[in-house]
């Protein structure tokens, strides 16, 4: 396990498990007391309390003094625009929801023939591979695998871990703006690992967006494959 994986703290893992339980329906309306949750997840009450506070900040939970902690109603399917400037945080905020994201894992990789063609780099070039989870109001919407040229963006992983935003991470790496170069969309049955992160049934369908983003000089800066939960959002192409 690398340093970034270790950075997925215990309270975040508890928050993910509570989120998953809500999505699958085993936690409804009112949460169990903190002591019961602490025993269930084998952590202390402080860890549970921090996880609950995090989910409340995302809008998934609400605390009512003297009554306990309650699950907010699930929102309707989110309309997610895809266009020349596709930004997760901006799209989610425009729908009146609170965006969030975190790094699942990161590692170094080498460009195979497909990635080399997408990123216009030599086969075998060093890349950063990032797996990220994106949520709106605490509800998991997508898992994305993104590749960046390591030579151009040496600190992109740490920058994303600190900011939770690809746009902000790229800005810290010296790129103030970028645009969508290409988007291809397909659909497939969810992978078991994605089902766990998205708190989804194993037979769910995901919309798969394979995209290339480019800088103002049209040089590719990232290649990504996003898996969107089809029951929770729809892709809207605007021109």
Protein backbone atom coordinates (compact mmCIF):
# COMPACT_ATOMS: atom_id res chain seq x y z
CA UNK A 1 0.00 0.00 0.00
CA UNK A 2 1.48 3.35 -0.98
CA UNK A 3 1.52 6.61 0.95
CA UNK A 4 -1.57 7.95 -0.80
CA UNK A 5 -3.56 4.81 0.01
CA UNK A 6 -2.55 5.18 3.66
CA UNK A 7 -3.93 8.69 3.46
CA UNK A 8 -7.48 7.31 3.10
CA UNK A 9 -8.12 7.74 6.80
CA UNK A 10 -10.28 5.53 8.98
CA UNK A 11 -13.08 8.09 9.32
CA UNK A 12 -13.28 8.38 5.53
CA UNK A 13 -13.62 4.62 5.23
CA UNK A 14 -16.40 4.70 7.83
CA UNK A 15 -18.09 7.50 5.88
CA UNK A 16 -17.90 5.40 2.70
CA UNK A 17 -19.46 2.42 4.48
CA UNK A 18 -22.30 4.55 5.87
CA UNK A 19 -22.84 6.03 2.39
CA UNK A 20 -22.93 2.54 0.89
CA UNK A 21 -25.41 1.32 3.52
CA UNK A 22 -27.71 4.25 2.78
CA UNK A 23 -27.50 3.64 -0.97
CA UNK A 24 -28.32 -0.07 -0.64
CA UNK A 25 -31.18 0.65 1.78
CA UNK A 26 -29.87 -0.97 4.96
CA UNK A 27 -29.73 2.48 6.64
CA UNK A 28 -32.96 4.42 6.26
CA UNK A 29 -34.33 7.63 7.71
CA UNK A 30 -32.58 7.61 11.09
CA UNK A 31 -29.03 6.45 11.84
CA UNK A 32 -28.28 4.15 14.76
CA UNK A 33 -26.63 5.74 17.83
CA UNK A 34 -22.91 6.51 17.60
CA UNK A 35 -22.05 3.76 20.09
CA UNK A 36 -23.81 1.17 17.95
CA UNK A 37 -22.14 2.41 14.77
CA UNK A 38 -18.74 2.41 16.48
CA UNK A 39 -19.24 -1.23 17.43
CA UNK A 40 -20.50 -2.13 13.96
CA UNK A 41 -17.47 -0.59 12.21
CA UNK A 42 -14.94 -1.53 14.95
CA UNK A 43 -13.84 2.07 15.55
CA UNK A 44 -14.20 4.59 18.37
CA UNK A 45 -17.04 7.11 18.69
CA UNK A 46 -14.78 10.01 17.69
CA UNK A 47 -14.15 8.34 14.32
CA UNK A 48 -17.88 7.76 13.79
CA UNK A 49 -18.66 11.34 14.79
CA UNK A 50 -16.17 12.74 12.29
CA UNK A 51 -17.53 10.51 9.50
CA UNK A 52 -21.08 11.68 10.27
CA UNK A 53 -20.01 15.33 10.29
CA UNK A 54 -18.33 14.84 6.91
CA UNK A 55 -21.48 13.28 5.40
CA UNK A 56 -23.60 16.04 6.91
CA UNK A 57 -21.36 18.66 5.26
CA UNK A 58 -21.94 16.86 1.94
CA UNK A 59 -25.71 17.00 2.48
CA UNK A 60 -26.34 13.27 2.83
CA UNK A 61 -27.16 13.47 6.55
CA UNK A 62 -28.70 16.03 8.87
CA UNK A 63 -28.46 16.26 12.66
CA UNK A 64 -31.50 17.29 14.69
CA UNK A 65 -30.80 18.30 18.26
CA UNK A 66 -32.42 15.97 20.73
CA UNK A 67 -33.63 13.58 18.04
CA UNK A 68 -30.56 12.14 16.34
CA UNK A 69 -29.07 11.97 12.84
CA UNK A 70 -31.29 11.45 9.80
CA UNK A 71 -30.77 10.52 6.14
CA UNK A 72 -31.81 13.19 3.65
CA UNK A 73 -34.05 12.16 0.77
CA UNK A 74 -32.22 10.95 -2.35
CA UNK A 75 -32.26 13.57 -5.14
CA UNK A 76 -33.54 12.92 -8.69
CA UNK A 77 -31.14 11.93 -11.45
CA UNK A 78 -28.51 14.62 -12.02
CA UNK A 79 -28.20 16.16 -15.50
CA UNK A 80 -24.46 16.34 -16.24
CA UNK A 81 -23.46 18.58 -19.18
CA UNK A 82 -20.65 17.44 -21.47
CA UNK A 83 -19.12 20.15 -23.64
CA UNK A 84 -15.89 22.02 -24.44
CA UNK A 85 -15.41 22.89 -20.75
CA UNK A 86 -16.55 19.93 -18.67
CA UNK A 87 -15.89 20.45 -14.95
CA UNK A 88 -17.39 18.13 -12.34
CA UNK A 89 -17.58 20.71 -9.54
CA UNK A 90 -19.15 23.37 -11.77
CA UNK A 91 -21.69 20.94 -13.23
CA UNK A 92 -22.78 19.64 -9.84
CA UNK A 93 -22.95 23.10 -8.27
CA UNK A 94 -25.08 24.33 -11.18
CA UNK A 95 -27.60 21.62 -10.27
CA UNK A 96 -27.85 22.98 -6.73
CA UNK A 97 -25.83 20.19 -5.14
CA UNK A 98 -22.57 20.07 -3.23
CA UNK A 99 -19.70 18.37 -5.10
CA UNK A 100 -17.04 16.26 -3.45
CA UNK A 101 -14.22 14.01 -4.48
CA UNK A 102 -11.38 11.97 -3.08
CA UNK A 103 -8.42 9.99 -4.23
CA UNK A 104 -8.93 6.22 -4.08
CA UNK A 105 -5.44 5.26 -5.18
CA UNK A 106 -2.49 6.51 -7.22
CA UNK A 107 0.49 4.83 -8.86
CA UNK A 108 3.08 5.25 -11.57
CA UNK A 109 2.37 3.64 -14.93
CA UNK A 110 3.89 3.34 -18.38
CA UNK A 111 2.07 4.41 -21.52
CA UNK A 112 0.90 1.50 -23.65
CA UNK A 113 0.15 1.99 -27.34
CA UNK A 114 -3.41 3.20 -26.68
CA UNK A 115 -2.44 5.75 -24.04
CA UNK A 116 0.56 6.89 -26.07
CA UNK A 117 -1.77 7.68 -28.97
CA UNK A 118 -4.24 9.52 -26.73
CA UNK A 119 -1.58 11.56 -24.92
CA UNK A 120 0.74 11.95 -27.94
CA UNK A 121 3.68 10.61 -26.00
CA UNK A 122 6.18 7.76 -26.60
CA UNK A 123 5.19 4.21 -25.72
CA UNK A 124 6.64 3.51 -22.29
CA UNK A 125 6.54 7.17 -21.16
CA UNK A 126 6.07 7.64 -17.42
CA UNK A 127 2.50 8.47 -16.38
CA UNK A 128 0.64 9.16 -13.16
CA UNK A 129 -2.45 6.94 -12.84
CA UNK A 130 -5.14 8.20 -10.48
CA UNK A 131 -8.39 6.55 -9.42
CA UNK A 132 -10.90 9.05 -7.99
CA UNK A 133 -14.41 8.95 -6.54
CA UNK A 134 -16.84 11.82 -7.17
CA UNK A 135 -20.00 12.52 -5.17
CA UNK A 136 -22.84 15.06 -5.04
CA UNK A 137 -24.53 15.74 -1.70
CA UNK A 138 -22.74 12.69 -0.40
CA UNK A 139 -24.15 10.37 -3.07
CA UNK A 140 -21.46 8.58 -5.14
CA UNK A 141 -21.87 9.36 -8.85
CA UNK A 142 -18.74 8.24 -10.64
CA UNK A 143 -15.35 6.57 -10.46
CA UNK A 144 -12.68 7.91 -12.84
CA UNK A 145 -9.31 6.56 -13.92
CA UNK A 146 -7.07 9.37 -15.18
CA UNK A 147 -3.59 9.34 -16.70
CA UNK A 148 -1.27 12.38 -16.69
CA UNK A 149 2.21 12.75 -18.24
CA UNK A 150 4.51 12.49 -15.21
CA UNK A 151 7.20 14.72 -16.73
CA UNK A 152 4.82 17.64 -17.26
CA UNK A 153 2.81 17.24 -14.03
CA UNK A 154 5.20 15.75 -11.47
CA UNK A 155 3.15 16.83 -8.43
CA UNK A 156 -0.38 16.21 -9.73
CA UNK A 157 -1.17 13.38 -7.30
CA UNK A 158 -0.31 15.33 -4.17
CA UNK A 159 -2.02 18.44 -5.56
CA UNK A 160 -5.25 16.50 -6.09
CA UNK A 161 -5.00 14.82 -2.68
CA UNK A 162 -4.82 18.30 -1.12
CA UNK A 163 -7.50 20.05 -3.19
CA UNK A 164 -9.96 17.31 -4.23
CA UNK A 165 -10.22 19.04 -7.62
CA UNK A 166 -8.50 18.19 -10.92
CA UNK A 167 -8.90 21.80 -12.09
CA UNK A 168 -7.25 23.17 -8.93
CA UNK A 169 -4.54 20.50 -9.03
CA UNK A 170 -3.66 21.40 -12.63
CA UNK A 171 -3.60 25.08 -11.68
CA UNK A 172 -1.10 24.29 -8.94
CA UNK A 173 0.94 22.44 -11.57
CA UNK A 174 1.03 25.54 -13.78
CA UNK A 175 -1.92 24.98 -16.12
CA UNK A 176 -4.63 27.62 -15.52
CA UNK A 177 -7.12 26.34 -18.11
CA UNK A 178 -7.88 23.37 -20.34
CA UNK A 179 -10.63 22.15 -22.64
CA UNK A 180 -12.21 18.90 -23.73
CA UNK A 181 -10.63 17.54 -26.88
CA UNK A 182 -12.73 14.41 -27.35
CA UNK A 183 -15.44 12.41 -25.56
CA UNK A 184 -16.66 8.90 -26.42
CA UNK A 185 -19.56 7.36 -24.50
CA UNK A 186 -20.59 3.73 -24.12
CA UNK A 187 -22.39 1.61 -21.52
CA UNK A 188 -21.45 -1.57 -19.67
CA UNK A 189 -22.23 -3.60 -16.57
CA UNK A 190 -20.50 -2.29 -13.49
CA UNK A 191 -17.18 -3.78 -12.37
CA UNK A 192 -17.23 -5.25 -8.82
CA UNK A 193 -14.62 -2.76 -7.56
CA UNK A 194 -16.64 0.18 -8.93
CA UNK A 195 -19.83 -1.28 -7.45
CA UNK A 196 -18.23 -1.14 -4.02
CA UNK A 197 -17.12 2.50 -4.40
CA UNK A 198 -20.47 3.57 -5.89
CA UNK A 199 -22.50 1.62 -3.30
CA UNK A 200 -24.25 -0.08 -6.20
CA UNK A 201 -25.88 -3.45 -6.89
CA UNK A 202 -23.56 -5.81 -8.81
CA UNK A 203 -25.78 -5.82 -11.90
CA UNK A 204 -26.00 -2.01 -12.29
CA UNK A 205 -25.25 -0.29 -15.60
CA UNK A 206 -22.68 2.49 -15.87
CA UNK A 207 -22.22 5.10 -18.57
CA UNK A 208 -18.56 5.06 -19.61
CA UNK A 209 -17.01 8.30 -20.84
CA UNK A 210 -13.56 8.02 -22.41
CA UNK A 211 -12.15 11.51 -22.84
CA UNK A 212 -9.05 13.51 -23.71
CA UNK A 213 -8.49 17.01 -22.33
CA UNK A 214 -6.10 19.45 -23.99
CA UNK A 215 -4.30 22.67 -23.10
CA UNK A 216 -4.79 25.97 -25.02
CA UNK A 217 -2.18 24.77 -27.56
CA UNK A 218 -4.24 21.60 -28.15
CA UNK A 219 -1.62 19.37 -26.50
CA UNK A 220 -3.21 16.46 -24.59
CA UNK A 221 -2.84 16.82 -20.82
CA UNK A 222 -4.94 13.96 -19.49
CA UNK A 223 -6.73 10.85 -20.70
CA UNK A 224 -9.54 9.54 -18.53
CA UNK A 225 -12.19 6.86 -18.30
CA UNK A 226 -15.13 7.82 -16.10
CA UNK A 227 -17.83 5.37 -15.02
CA UNK A 228 -21.09 7.17 -14.19
CA UNK A 229 -23.87 5.42 -12.28
CA UNK A 230 -26.67 5.39 -14.87
CA UNK A 231 -29.47 5.37 -12.26
CA UNK A 232 -28.16 8.55 -10.64
CA UNK A 233 -27.21 10.78 -13.55
CA UNK A 234 -27.56 11.38 -17.25
CA UNK A 235 -25.06 12.90 -19.68
CA UNK A 236 -26.28 15.98 -21.56
CA UNK A 237 -24.32 17.08 -24.63
CA UNK A 238 -24.53 20.85 -25.19
CA UNK A 239 -23.05 22.72 -28.14
